[in-house]
Amino acid sequence: MTPLRTPVIAGNWKMFKGPADTVSFFRDFLERYQPRSDRSIIFFPPAISLTAAVTALEDRTDVGLGVQNIHWEKEGAFTGETAAPMAASAGAKFVLIGHSERRHVFGETDEQVAKKIGATLAAGLTPVVCVGEKLPERQAGKLEEVLSRQLDAALQGLGPDADFLVAYEPVWAIGTGVNATPEDASAAHAFLRHRLEAAIGPRAANVPILYGGSVKPDNAAALLAAGDVDGLLVGGASLDPAGFATIANA
């Protein structure tokens, strides 16, 4: 786990970059990004490219790796799924859980999110728990209701001493080119911090809350400077090594 709310910059590659492209990306990125003690960098490549990423980063222990999804069972007849112990064995340290695309494209429920968090922790991995509202929910004034429901359900899967991160990703800002303003992000993050404090007490101060949603090199610094924004979860802009290096150094 990173020290007390050291900024975390994470890149979620979604369904992009096979093993060869992964090697090429890191060759370029690592020339542009030198190790820094004032932030943490995490990449979430596709599962099929994780081994290539581990090899490419073998001399760069300052860069962490995770998987984009796991199944809550340790093994079994679940074609196409990856178990948390498998991810750990392959070199992952983190798991994205409850990403908006998992929730809204694949129908992942709050209950399944909690089960995946439990499985992630049992395998010795750190969950990055994603929460966020859709545009109609925001327009209906249900931001806090949605965030409360998602976060409370996720906390059911967490033990009393678990290390975890939270990522706030307004669904209406993901891949749309429309990002929440720093003020929007700060308000949502402040609410999440308050909710965490109510649920887990002083430990909430150690939980980084990242913002995700159309983050780009030209808005990264402003978002990082917003109150209660402890880092960034970057989608499309993390696919370009030069652009992501700029974000990582923001």
C-alpha atoms as a PDB file:
ATOM      1  CA  MET A   1       0.000   0.000   0.000  1.00  0.00           C
ATOM      2  CA  THR A   2       1.193   3.522  -0.729  1.00  0.00           C
ATOM      3  CA  PRO A   3       1.989   5.877   2.151  1.00  0.00           C
ATOM      4  CA  LEU A   4      -0.730   8.177   3.482  1.00  0.00           C
ATOM      5  CA  ARG A   5      -2.474   9.441   0.358  1.00  0.00           C
ATOM      6  CA  THR A   6       0.567   9.713  -1.835  1.00  0.00           C
ATOM      7  CA  PRO A   7      -0.815  10.576  -5.296  1.00  0.00           C
ATOM      8  CA  VAL A   8      -1.625   7.494  -7.363  1.00  0.00           C
ATOM      9  CA  ILE A   9      -1.742   7.659 -11.162  1.00  0.00           C
ATOM     10  CA  ALA A  10      -3.296   4.541 -12.686  1.00  0.00           C
ATOM     11  CA  GLY A  11      -3.695   3.563 -16.332  1.00  0.00           C
ATOM     12  CA  ASN A  12      -6.540   1.245 -17.343  1.00  0.00           C
ATOM     13  CA  TRP A  13      -5.863  -0.125 -20.814  1.00  0.00           C
ATOM     14  CA  LYS A  14      -9.250  -1.825 -21.113  1.00  0.00           C
ATOM     15  CA  MET A  15      -9.290  -4.160 -24.164  1.00  0.00           C
ATOM     16  CA  PHE A  16      -6.231  -2.663 -25.852  1.00  0.00           C
ATOM     17  CA  LYS A  17      -2.587  -3.757 -26.269  1.00  0.00           C
ATOM     18  CA  GLY A  18      -1.570  -7.379 -26.655  1.00  0.00           C
ATOM     19  CA  PRO A  19       1.802  -8.635 -25.374  1.00  0.00           C
ATOM     20  CA  ALA A  20       3.920  -7.194 -28.217  1.00  0.00           C
ATOM     21  CA  ASP A  21       2.298  -3.758 -27.953  1.00  0.00           C
ATOM     22  CA  THR A  22       2.755  -3.898 -24.185  1.00  0.00           C
ATOM     23  CA  VAL A  23       6.507  -4.389 -24.520  1.00  0.00           C
ATOM     24  CA  SER A  24       6.697  -1.544 -27.025  1.00  0.00           C
ATOM     25  CA  PHE A  25       4.674   0.771 -24.785  1.00  0.00           C
ATOM     26  CA  PHE A  26       6.870   0.276 -21.743  1.00  0.00           C
ATOM     27  CA  ARG A  27      10.059   0.679 -23.759  1.00  0.00           C
ATOM     28  CA  ASP A  28       8.855   4.158 -24.705  1.00  0.00           C
ATOM     29  CA  PHE A  29       7.141   5.096 -21.434  1.00  0.00           C
ATOM     30  CA  LEU A  30      10.056   4.185 -19.176  1.00  0.00           C
ATOM     31  CA  GLU A  31      12.359   6.446 -21.177  1.00  0.00           C
ATOM     32  CA  ARG A  32       9.990   9.315 -20.429  1.00  0.00           C
ATOM     33  CA  TYR A  33       9.116   8.578 -16.813  1.00  0.00           C
ATOM     34  CA  GLN A  34      11.838   8.320 -14.190  1.00  0.00           C
ATOM     35  CA  PRO A  35      11.195   6.874 -10.711  1.00  0.00           C
ATOM     36  CA  ARG A  36       9.683   9.376  -8.272  1.00  0.00           C
ATOM     37  CA  SER A  37       9.132   9.006  -4.555  1.00  0.00           C
ATOM     38  CA  ASP A  38       6.244  11.467  -4.426  1.00  0.00           C
ATOM     39  CA  ARG A  39       3.716   9.330  -6.342  1.00  0.00           C
ATOM     40  CA  SER A  40       2.773   5.804  -7.317  1.00  0.00           C
ATOM     41  CA  ILE A  41       2.109   4.544 -10.842  1.00  0.00           C
ATOM     42  CA  ILE A  42      -0.097   1.531 -11.575  1.00  0.00           C
ATOM     43  CA  PHE A  43      -1.040  -0.081 -14.888  1.00  0.00           C
ATOM     44  CA  PHE A  44      -3.983  -2.370 -15.557  1.00  0.00           C
ATOM     45  CA  PRO A  45      -3.216  -4.147 -18.858  1.00  0.00           C
ATOM     46  CA  PRO A  46      -5.455  -6.872 -20.307  1.00  0.00           C
ATOM     47  CA  ALA A  47      -4.918 -10.153 -18.475  1.00  0.00           C
ATOM     48  CA  ILE A  48      -3.323 -11.716 -21.554  1.00  0.00           C
ATOM     49  CA  SER A  49      -0.633  -8.996 -21.494  1.00  0.00           C
ATOM     50  CA  LEU A  50       0.151  -9.093 -17.767  1.00  0.00           C
ATOM     51  CA  THR A  51       3.143 -11.424 -18.109  1.00  0.00           C
ATOM     52  CA  ALA A  52       4.645  -9.228 -20.828  1.00  0.00           C
ATOM     53  CA  ALA A  53       4.176  -6.201 -18.573  1.00  0.00           C
ATOM     54  CA  VAL A  54       5.839  -7.966 -15.633  1.00  0.00           C
ATOM     55  CA  THR A  55       8.854  -8.773 -17.810  1.00  0.00           C
ATOM     56  CA  ALA A  56       9.039  -5.243 -19.213  1.00  0.00           C
ATOM     57  CA  LEU A  57       8.989  -3.774 -15.703  1.00  0.00           C
ATOM     58  CA  GLU A  58      11.347  -6.205 -13.989  1.00  0.00           C
ATOM     59  CA  ASP A  59      13.884  -3.416 -13.366  1.00  0.00           C
ATOM     60  CA  ARG A  60      11.275  -0.810 -12.406  1.00  0.00           C
ATOM     61  CA  THR A  61       9.805  -1.744  -9.047  1.00  0.00           C
ATOM     62  CA  ASP A  62       8.358   1.780  -8.769  1.00  0.00           C
ATOM     63  CA  VAL A  63       5.625   0.843 -11.266  1.00  0.00           C
ATOM     64  CA  GLY A  64       2.828  -1.416 -10.069  1.00  0.00           C
ATOM     65  CA  LEU A  65       0.608  -3.774 -12.045  1.00  0.00           C
ATOM     66  CA  GLY A  66      -2.917  -5.019 -11.651  1.00  0.00           C
ATOM     67  CA  VAL A  67      -5.689  -6.835 -13.483  1.00  0.00           C
ATOM     68  CA  GLN A  68      -8.954  -5.324 -14.649  1.00  0.00           C
ATOM     69  CA  ASN A  69     -11.255  -7.976 -13.233  1.00  0.00           C
ATOM     70  CA  ILE A  70     -11.307 -11.250 -11.294  1.00  0.00           C
ATOM     71  CA  HIS A  71     -13.849 -13.911 -10.404  1.00  0.00           C
ATOM     72  CA  TRP A  72     -14.705 -14.383  -6.743  1.00  0.00           C
ATOM     73  CA  GLU A  73     -14.103 -18.158  -6.828  1.00  0.00           C
ATOM     74  CA  LYS A  74     -10.566 -19.515  -6.434  1.00  0.00           C
ATOM     75  CA  GLU A  75     -11.011 -21.947  -9.330  1.00  0.00           C
ATOM     76  CA  GLY A  76     -13.701 -23.846 -11.202  1.00  0.00           C
ATOM     77  CA  ALA A  77     -15.700 -24.180 -14.390  1.00  0.00           C
ATOM     78  CA  PHE A  78     -15.869 -20.476 -15.213  1.00  0.00           C
ATOM     79  CA  THR A  79     -14.694 -20.225 -18.802  1.00  0.00           C
ATOM     80  CA  GLY A  80     -13.051 -16.926 -19.630  1.00  0.00           C
ATOM     81  CA  GLU A  81     -12.593 -15.825 -16.022  1.00  0.00           C
ATOM     82  CA  THR A  82      -9.449 -15.209 -13.955  1.00  0.00           C
ATOM     83  CA  ALA A  83      -9.169 -16.119 -10.286  1.00  0.00           C
ATOM     84  CA  ALA A  84      -7.479 -13.729  -7.868  1.00  0.00           C
ATOM     85  CA  PRO A  85      -4.785 -16.264  -6.878  1.00  0.00           C
ATOM     86  CA  MET A  86      -3.941 -16.688 -10.571  1.00  0.00           C
ATOM     87  CA  ALA A  87      -3.553 -12.931 -10.954  1.00  0.00           C
ATOM     88  CA  ALA A  88      -1.297 -12.791  -7.916  1.00  0.00           C
ATOM     89  CA  SER A  89       0.814 -15.674  -9.205  1.00  0.00           C
ATOM     90  CA  ALA A  90       1.218 -13.892 -12.543  1.00  0.00           C
ATOM     91  CA  GLY A  91       2.566 -10.758 -10.888  1.00  0.00           C
ATOM     92  CA  ALA A  92      -0.455  -8.546 -10.224  1.00  0.00           C
ATOM     93  CA  LYS A  93      -0.599  -6.507  -7.025  1.00  0.00           C
ATOM     94  CA  PHE A  94      -3.885  -4.669  -7.616  1.00  0.00           C
ATOM     95  CA  VAL A  95      -7.355  -5.433  -8.976  1.00  0.00           C
ATOM     96  CA  LEU A  96      -9.850  -3.012 -10.504  1.00  0.00           C
ATOM     97  CA  ILE A  97     -13.257  -3.911  -9.128  1.00  0.00           C
ATOM     98  CA  GLY A  98     -16.673  -2.560 -10.092  1.00  0.00           C
ATOM     99  CA  HIS A  99     -15.468  -0.478 -13.042  1.00  0.00           C
ATOM    100  CA  SER A 100     -18.406   1.231 -14.715  1.00  0.00           C
ATOM    101  CA  GLU A 101     -18.024  -0.935 -17.816  1.00  0.00           C
ATOM    102  CA  ARG A 102     -18.205  -4.069 -15.674  1.00  0.00           C
ATOM    103  CA  ARG A 103     -21.324  -2.720 -13.983  1.00  0.00           C
ATOM    104  CA  HIS A 104     -23.176  -1.260 -16.953  1.00  0.00           C
ATOM    105  CA  VAL A 105     -21.961  -3.350 -19.899  1.00  0.00           C
ATOM    106  CA  PHE A 106     -21.622  -6.729 -18.170  1.00  0.00           C
ATOM    107  CA  GLY A 107     -24.286  -6.310 -15.502  1.00  0.00           C
ATOM    108  CA  GLU A 108     -22.029  -6.637 -12.470  1.00  0.00           C
ATOM    109  CA  THR A 109     -24.010  -6.099  -9.271  1.00  0.00           C
ATOM    110  CA  ASP A 110     -23.100  -4.511  -5.953  1.00  0.00           C
ATOM    111  CA  GLU A 111     -23.229  -7.973  -4.383  1.00  0.00           C
ATOM    112  CA  GLN A 112     -20.751  -9.343  -6.926  1.00  0.00           C
ATOM    113  CA  VAL A 113     -18.464  -6.360  -6.332  1.00  0.00           C
ATOM    114  CA  ALA A 114     -18.372  -7.181  -2.613  1.00  0.00           C
ATOM    115  CA  LYS A 115     -17.579 -10.846  -3.329  1.00  0.00           C
ATOM    116  CA  LYS A 116     -14.775  -9.867  -5.700  1.00  0.00           C
ATOM    117  CA  ILE A 117     -13.297  -7.543  -3.084  1.00  0.00           C
ATOM    118  CA  GLY A 118     -13.254 -10.368  -0.561  1.00  0.00           C
ATOM    119  CA  ALA A 119     -11.548 -12.691  -3.038  1.00  0.00           C
ATOM    120  CA  THR A 120      -9.009 -10.017  -3.936  1.00  0.00           C
ATOM    121  CA  LEU A 121      -8.024  -9.460  -0.322  1.00  0.00           C
ATOM    122  CA  ALA A 122      -7.885 -13.206   0.369  1.00  0.00           C
ATOM    123  CA  ALA A 123      -5.306 -13.510  -2.429  1.00  0.00           C
ATOM    124  CA  GLY A 124      -3.150 -10.776  -0.906  1.00  0.00           C
ATOM    125  CA  LEU A 125      -4.020  -8.215  -3.574  1.00  0.00           C
ATOM    126  CA  THR A 126      -5.184  -4.611  -3.155  1.00  0.00           C
ATOM    127  CA  PRO A 127      -8.618  -3.704  -4.554  1.00  0.00           C
ATOM    128  CA  VAL A 128      -9.257  -0.463  -6.401  1.00  0.00           C
ATOM    129  CA  VAL A 129     -13.005  -0.074  -5.896  1.00  0.00           C
ATOM    130  CA  CYS A 130     -14.797   1.936  -8.585  1.00  0.00           C
ATOM    131  CA  VAL A 131     -17.981   3.904  -7.915  1.00  0.00           C
ATOM    132  CA  GLY A 132     -19.851   6.498  -9.934  1.00  0.00           C
ATOM    133  CA  GLU A 133     -23.187   7.750 -11.173  1.00  0.00           C
ATOM    134  CA  LYS A 134     -24.788   7.814 -14.620  1.00  0.00           C
ATOM    135  CA  LEU A 135     -25.930  11.116 -16.133  1.00  0.00           C
ATOM    136  CA  PRO A 136     -29.680  10.590 -15.442  1.00  0.00           C
ATOM    137  CA  GLU A 137     -28.844   9.806 -11.812  1.00  0.00           C
ATOM    138  CA  ARG A 138     -26.790  12.971 -11.493  1.00  0.00           C
ATOM    139  CA  GLN A 139     -29.473  15.065 -13.151  1.00  0.00           C
ATOM    140  CA  ALA A 140     -32.049  13.598 -10.770  1.00  0.00           C
ATOM    141  CA  GLY A 141     -29.983  14.672  -7.778  1.00  0.00           C
ATOM    142  CA  LYS A 142     -29.128  11.082  -6.841  1.00  0.00           C
ATOM    143  CA  LEU A 143     -25.336  11.417  -6.791  1.00  0.00           C
ATOM    144  CA  GLU A 144     -24.994  10.825  -3.050  1.00  0.00           C
ATOM    145  CA  GLU A 145     -27.608   8.065  -3.055  1.00  0.00           C
ATOM    146  CA  VAL A 146     -25.792   6.136  -5.785  1.00  0.00           C
ATOM    147  CA  LEU A 147     -22.340   6.618  -4.295  1.00  0.00           C
ATOM    148  CA  SER A 148     -23.595   5.586  -0.857  1.00  0.00           C
ATOM    149  CA  ARG A 149     -25.186   2.410  -2.166  1.00  0.00           C
ATOM    150  CA  GLN A 150     -22.138   1.379  -4.161  1.00  0.00           C
ATOM    151  CA  LEU A 151     -19.596   2.224  -1.461  1.00  0.00           C
ATOM    152  CA  ASP A 152     -21.588   0.655   1.375  1.00  0.00           C
ATOM    153  CA  ALA A 153     -21.964  -2.570  -0.593  1.00  0.00           C
ATOM    154  CA  ALA A 154     -18.239  -2.610  -1.373  1.00  0.00           C
ATOM    155  CA  LEU A 155     -17.351  -2.142   2.283  1.00  0.00           C
ATOM    156  CA  GLN A 156     -19.183  -5.374   3.068  1.00  0.00           C
ATOM    157  CA  GLY A 157     -16.360  -7.214   1.311  1.00  0.00           C
ATOM    158  CA  LEU A 158     -13.616  -5.443   3.245  1.00  0.00           C
ATOM    159  CA  GLY A 159     -12.140  -6.648   6.502  1.00  0.00           C
ATOM    160  CA  PRO A 160     -11.430  -4.272   9.399  1.00  0.00           C
ATOM    161  CA  ASP A 161      -7.777  -3.745   8.449  1.00  0.00           C
ATOM    162  CA  ALA A 162      -7.907  -4.063   4.676  1.00  0.00           C
ATOM    163  CA  ASP A 163      -5.885  -1.767   2.426  1.00  0.00           C
ATOM    164  CA  PHE A 164      -7.847  -0.489  -0.557  1.00  0.00           C
ATOM    165  CA  LEU A 165      -8.264   2.433  -2.939  1.00  0.00           C
ATOM    166  CA  VAL A 166     -11.449   4.039  -4.242  1.00  0.00           C
ATOM    167  CA  ALA A 167     -11.897   5.441  -7.743  1.00  0.00           C
ATOM    168  CA  TYR A 168     -14.718   7.886  -8.447  1.00  0.00           C
ATOM    169  CA  GLU A 169     -15.672   7.692 -12.097  1.00  0.00           C
ATOM    170  CA  PRO A 170     -18.756   9.618 -13.189  1.00  0.00           C
ATOM    171  CA  VAL A 171     -20.106   7.354 -15.920  1.00  0.00           C
ATOM    172  CA  TRP A 172     -21.177  10.324 -18.042  1.00  0.00           C
ATOM    173  CA  ALA A 173     -17.548  11.454 -18.265  1.00  0.00           C
ATOM    174  CA  ILE A 174     -15.919   8.168 -19.258  1.00  0.00           C
ATOM    175  CA  GLY A 175     -14.735   8.084 -22.853  1.00  0.00           C
ATOM    176  CA  THR A 176     -16.987  11.010 -23.732  1.00  0.00           C
ATOM    177  CA  GLY A 177     -14.379  13.737 -23.744  1.00  0.00           C
ATOM    178  CA  VAL A 178     -16.434  15.532 -21.085  1.00  0.00           C
ATOM    179  CA  ASN A 179     -14.712  15.423 -17.735  1.00  0.00           C
ATOM    180  CA  ALA A 180     -16.084  16.532 -14.416  1.00  0.00           C
ATOM    181  CA  THR A 181     -14.690  19.892 -13.381  1.00  0.00           C
ATOM    182  CA  PRO A 182     -12.174  19.934 -10.538  1.00  0.00           C
ATOM    183  CA  GLU A 183     -15.003  21.328  -8.399  1.00  0.00           C
ATOM    184  CA  ASP A 184     -17.308  18.432  -9.364  1.00  0.00           C
ATOM    185  CA  ALA A 185     -14.594  15.915  -8.555  1.00  0.00           C
ATOM    186  CA  SER A 186     -13.722  17.585  -5.260  1.00  0.00           C
ATOM    187  CA  ALA A 187     -17.350  17.611  -4.095  1.00  0.00           C
ATOM    188  CA  ALA A 188     -17.873  13.929  -4.903  1.00  0.00           C
ATOM    189  CA  HIS A 189     -14.571  12.948  -3.307  1.00  0.00           C
ATOM    190  CA  ALA A 190     -15.377  14.925  -0.159  1.00  0.00           C
ATOM    191  CA  PHE A 191     -18.668  13.060   0.117  1.00  0.00           C
ATOM    192  CA  LEU A 192     -16.911   9.710  -0.338  1.00  0.00           C
ATOM    193  CA  ARG A 193     -14.326  10.648   2.298  1.00  0.00           C
ATOM    194  CA  HIS A 194     -17.100  11.558   4.730  1.00  0.00           C
ATOM    195  CA  ARG A 195     -18.844   8.257   4.013  1.00  0.00           C
ATOM    196  CA  LEU A 196     -15.617   6.336   4.567  1.00  0.00           C
ATOM    197  CA  GLU A 197     -14.991   8.146   7.849  1.00  0.00           C
ATOM    198  CA  ALA A 198     -18.450   7.184   9.053  1.00  0.00           C
ATOM    199  CA  ALA A 199     -17.857   3.547   8.096  1.00  0.00           C
ATOM    200  CA  ILE A 200     -14.247   2.871   9.073  1.00  0.00           C
ATOM    201  CA  GLY A 201     -13.240   5.802  11.271  1.00  0.00           C
ATOM    202  CA  PRO A 202      -9.718   7.264  11.266  1.00  0.00           C
ATOM    203  CA  ARG A 203      -8.487   4.661   8.754  1.00  0.00           C
ATOM    204  CA  ALA A 204     -10.401   6.602   6.086  1.00  0.00           C
ATOM    205  CA  ALA A 205      -7.572   9.143   6.062  1.00  0.00           C
ATOM    206  CA  ASN A 206      -5.302   6.475   4.543  1.00  0.00           C
ATOM    207  CA  VAL A 207      -7.591   5.583   1.625  1.00  0.00           C
ATOM    208  CA  PRO A 208      -6.615   7.263  -1.668  1.00  0.00           C
ATOM    209  CA  ILE A 209      -9.598   8.387  -3.749  1.00  0.00           C
ATOM    210  CA  LEU A 210      -8.805   8.647  -7.458  1.00  0.00           C
ATOM    211  CA  TYR A 211     -10.752  10.507 -10.121  1.00  0.00           C
ATOM    212  CA  GLY A 212     -11.448   8.814 -13.450  1.00  0.00           C
ATOM    213  CA  GLY A 213     -13.262  10.169 -16.478  1.00  0.00           C
ATOM    214  CA  SER A 214     -11.766  11.703 -19.649  1.00  0.00           C
ATOM    215  CA  VAL A 215      -8.471  12.547 -17.931  1.00  0.00           C
ATOM    216  CA  LYS A 216      -5.982  14.006 -20.407  1.00  0.00           C
ATOM    217  CA  PRO A 217      -2.529  15.593 -20.248  1.00  0.00           C
ATOM    218  CA  ASP A 218      -4.045  19.077 -20.349  1.00  0.00           C
ATOM    219  CA  ASN A 219      -6.421  18.624 -17.398  1.00  0.00           C
ATOM    220  CA  ALA A 220      -4.483  16.214 -15.168  1.00  0.00           C
ATOM    221  CA  ALA A 221      -2.712  18.839 -13.079  1.00  0.00           C
ATOM    222  CA  ALA A 222      -5.908  20.771 -12.348  1.00  0.00           C
ATOM    223  CA  LEU A 223      -7.728  17.615 -11.305  1.00  0.00           C
ATOM    224  CA  LEU A 224      -4.836  16.524  -9.068  1.00  0.00           C
ATOM    225  CA  ALA A 225      -4.871  19.933  -7.407  1.00  0.00           C
ATOM    226  CA  ALA A 226      -8.558  19.673  -6.487  1.00  0.00           C
ATOM    227  CA  GLY A 227      -9.427  19.041  -2.865  1.00  0.00           C
ATOM    228  CA  ASP A 228      -9.649  15.378  -1.798  1.00  0.00           C
ATOM    229  CA  VAL A 229      -8.465  14.172  -5.227  1.00  0.00           C
ATOM    230  CA  ASP A 230      -5.601  11.803  -4.421  1.00  0.00           C
ATOM    231  CA  GLY A 231      -4.861  10.547  -7.898  1.00  0.00           C
ATOM    232  CA  LEU A 232      -6.205   9.684 -11.317  1.00  0.00           C
ATOM    233  CA  LEU A 233      -7.601   6.596 -13.052  1.00  0.00           C
ATOM    234  CA  VAL A 234      -6.822   7.179 -16.716  1.00  0.00           C
ATOM    235  CA  GLY A 235      -8.452   5.300 -19.580  1.00  0.00           C
ATOM    236  CA  GLY A 236      -7.835   6.183 -23.222  1.00  0.00           C
ATOM    237  CA  ALA A 237      -5.046   8.656 -22.477  1.00  0.00           C
ATOM    238  CA  SER A 238      -3.024   5.898 -20.776  1.00  0.00           C
ATOM    239  CA  LEU A 239      -2.567   4.123 -24.119  1.00  0.00           C
ATOM    240  CA  ASP A 240      -0.127   6.726 -25.419  1.00  0.00           C
ATOM    241  CA  PRO A 241       3.258   6.470 -23.674  1.00  0.00           C
ATOM    242  CA  ALA A 242       4.178  10.108 -24.212  1.00  0.00           C
ATOM    243  CA  GLY A 243       0.788  11.428 -23.109  1.00  0.00           C
ATOM    244  CA  PHE A 244       0.633   9.178 -20.087  1.00  0.00           C
ATOM    245  CA  ALA A 245       4.150  10.134 -19.065  1.00  0.00           C
ATOM    246  CA  THR A 246       2.987  13.753 -19.054  1.00  0.00           C
ATOM    247  CA  ILE A 247       0.046  12.815 -16.830  1.00  0.00           C
ATOM    248  CA  ALA A 248       2.261  10.730 -14.559  1.00  0.00           C
ATOM    249  CA  ASN A 249       4.555  13.713 -14.070  1.00  0.00           C
ATOM    250  CA  ALA A 250       1.740  16.251 -13.589  1.00  0.00           C
END
